[in-house]
Amino acid sequence: MAIVINIDVMMAKRKISLGTLAERVQITPANLSILKNGKAKAIRFSTLEAICRELDCQPGDIIEYRNDEEIEE
């Protein structure tokens, strides 16, 4: 997939656990884990907004486009 999710990177920079972030964003830890691992098919803008608010970042900090050649390297 050409869309890469970097939530784990931002979580590490902010020193916040998955459970804490899930609680603050008001989604289940399981759903946040699915998103974090790149298994999600979609994300609501309201969820993206809440994640960005809690991690004090921009959407581009956690969602990145890479062409297929970059991913294979």
C-alpha atoms as a PDB file:
ATOM      1  CA  MET A   1       0.000   0.000   0.000  1.00  0.00           C
ATOM      2  CA  ALA A   2       1.317   3.453  -0.871  1.00  0.00           C
ATOM      3  CA  ILE A   3      -0.110   5.157   2.217  1.00  0.00           C
ATOM      4  CA  VAL A   4       2.112   4.722   5.274  1.00  0.00           C
ATOM      5  CA  ILE A   5       0.869   5.456   8.800  1.00  0.00           C
ATOM      6  CA  ASN A   6       3.458   6.873  11.201  1.00  0.00           C
ATOM      7  CA  ILE A   7       1.347   7.145  14.346  1.00  0.00           C
ATOM      8  CA  ASP A   8       3.822   4.965  16.242  1.00  0.00           C
ATOM      9  CA  VAL A   9       6.635   7.405  15.426  1.00  0.00           C
ATOM     10  CA  MET A  10       4.647  10.371  16.724  1.00  0.00           C
ATOM     11  CA  MET A  11       3.531   8.408  19.782  1.00  0.00           C
ATOM     12  CA  ALA A  12       7.161   7.641  20.598  1.00  0.00           C
ATOM     13  CA  LYS A  13       8.186  11.278  20.133  1.00  0.00           C
ATOM     14  CA  ARG A  14       5.382  12.392  22.464  1.00  0.00           C
ATOM     15  CA  LYS A  15       5.984   9.499  24.888  1.00  0.00           C
ATOM     16  CA  ILE A  16       2.347   8.426  24.899  1.00  0.00           C
ATOM     17  CA  SER A  17       1.076   4.852  25.011  1.00  0.00           C
ATOM     18  CA  LEU A  18      -1.480   3.349  22.661  1.00  0.00           C
ATOM     19  CA  GLY A  19      -3.963   2.912  25.503  1.00  0.00           C
ATOM     20  CA  THR A  20      -3.618   6.501  26.668  1.00  0.00           C
ATOM     21  CA  LEU A  21      -3.980   7.892  23.148  1.00  0.00           C
ATOM     22  CA  ALA A  22      -6.994   5.671  22.459  1.00  0.00           C
ATOM     23  CA  GLU A  23      -8.660   6.903  25.649  1.00  0.00           C
ATOM     24  CA  ARG A  24      -7.988  10.561  24.836  1.00  0.00           C
ATOM     25  CA  VAL A  25      -9.201  10.165  21.231  1.00  0.00           C
ATOM     26  CA  GLN A  26     -12.172   8.090  22.413  1.00  0.00           C
ATOM     27  CA  ILE A  27     -11.638   5.062  20.180  1.00  0.00           C
ATOM     28  CA  THR A  28     -10.904   1.516  21.242  1.00  0.00           C
ATOM     29  CA  PRO A  29      -7.272   0.450  21.622  1.00  0.00           C
ATOM     30  CA  ALA A  30      -7.985  -2.308  19.087  1.00  0.00           C
ATOM     31  CA  ASN A  31      -9.149   0.186  16.453  1.00  0.00           C
ATOM     32  CA  LEU A  32      -6.179   2.457  17.117  1.00  0.00           C
ATOM     33  CA  SER A  33      -3.881  -0.550  16.781  1.00  0.00           C
ATOM     34  CA  ILE A  34      -5.451  -1.422  13.412  1.00  0.00           C
ATOM     35  CA  LEU A  35      -4.855   2.130  12.253  1.00  0.00           C
ATOM     36  CA  LYS A  36      -1.311   2.222  13.663  1.00  0.00           C
ATOM     37  CA  ASN A  37      -0.387  -1.019  11.911  1.00  0.00           C
ATOM     38  CA  GLY A  38      -1.641   0.202   8.531  1.00  0.00           C
ATOM     39  CA  LYS A  39      -4.507  -2.301   8.375  1.00  0.00           C
ATOM     40  CA  ALA A  40      -7.313   0.289   8.342  1.00  0.00           C
ATOM     41  CA  LYS A  41      -9.158   0.949   5.086  1.00  0.00           C
ATOM     42  CA  ALA A  42     -10.282   4.458   6.095  1.00  0.00           C
ATOM     43  CA  ILE A  43     -10.103   7.047   8.862  1.00  0.00           C
ATOM     44  CA  ARG A  44     -12.726   9.609   9.793  1.00  0.00           C
ATOM     45  CA  PHE A  45     -11.596  13.211   9.677  1.00  0.00           C
ATOM     46  CA  SER A  46     -12.901  13.655  13.216  1.00  0.00           C
ATOM     47  CA  THR A  47     -10.631  10.811  14.384  1.00  0.00           C
ATOM     48  CA  LEU A  48      -7.679  12.213  12.456  1.00  0.00           C
ATOM     49  CA  GLU A  49      -8.337  15.631  13.973  1.00  0.00           C
ATOM     50  CA  ALA A  50      -8.470  14.181  17.489  1.00  0.00           C
ATOM     51  CA  ILE A  51      -5.228  12.235  16.976  1.00  0.00           C
ATOM     52  CA  CYS A  52      -3.468  15.342  15.645  1.00  0.00           C
ATOM     53  CA  ARG A  53      -4.777  17.391  18.563  1.00  0.00           C
ATOM     54  CA  GLU A  54      -3.530  14.890  21.149  1.00  0.00           C
ATOM     55  CA  LEU A  55      -0.151  14.340  19.458  1.00  0.00           C
ATOM     56  CA  ASP A  56       0.244  18.053  18.655  1.00  0.00           C
ATOM     57  CA  CYS A  57       1.047  17.343  15.019  1.00  0.00           C
ATOM     58  CA  GLN A  58      -0.204  17.808  11.469  1.00  0.00           C
ATOM     59  CA  PRO A  59      -1.946  15.063   9.423  1.00  0.00           C
ATOM     60  CA  GLY A  60       1.159  14.867   7.220  1.00  0.00           C
ATOM     61  CA  ASP A  61       3.205  13.903  10.273  1.00  0.00           C
ATOM     62  CA  ILE A  62       1.250  10.673  10.658  1.00  0.00           C
ATOM     63  CA  ILE A  63       0.015   9.903   7.129  1.00  0.00           C
ATOM     64  CA  GLU A  64       2.541   9.683   4.328  1.00  0.00           C
ATOM     65  CA  TYR A  65       2.391   8.733   0.660  1.00  0.00           C
ATOM     66  CA  ARG A  66       5.190   6.609  -0.782  1.00  0.00           C
ATOM     67  CA  ASN A  67       5.254   5.154  -4.251  1.00  0.00           C
ATOM     68  CA  ASP A  68       5.556   1.375  -4.448  1.00  0.00           C
ATOM     69  CA  GLU A  69       9.253   1.534  -5.387  1.00  0.00           C
ATOM     70  CA  GLU A  70      10.124   3.411  -2.169  1.00  0.00           C
ATOM     71  CA  ILE A  71       8.265   0.867  -0.053  1.00  0.00           C
ATOM     72  CA  GLU A  72      10.176  -2.106  -1.530  1.00  0.00           C
ATOM     73  CA  GLU A  73      13.594  -0.542  -0.783  1.00  0.00           C
END
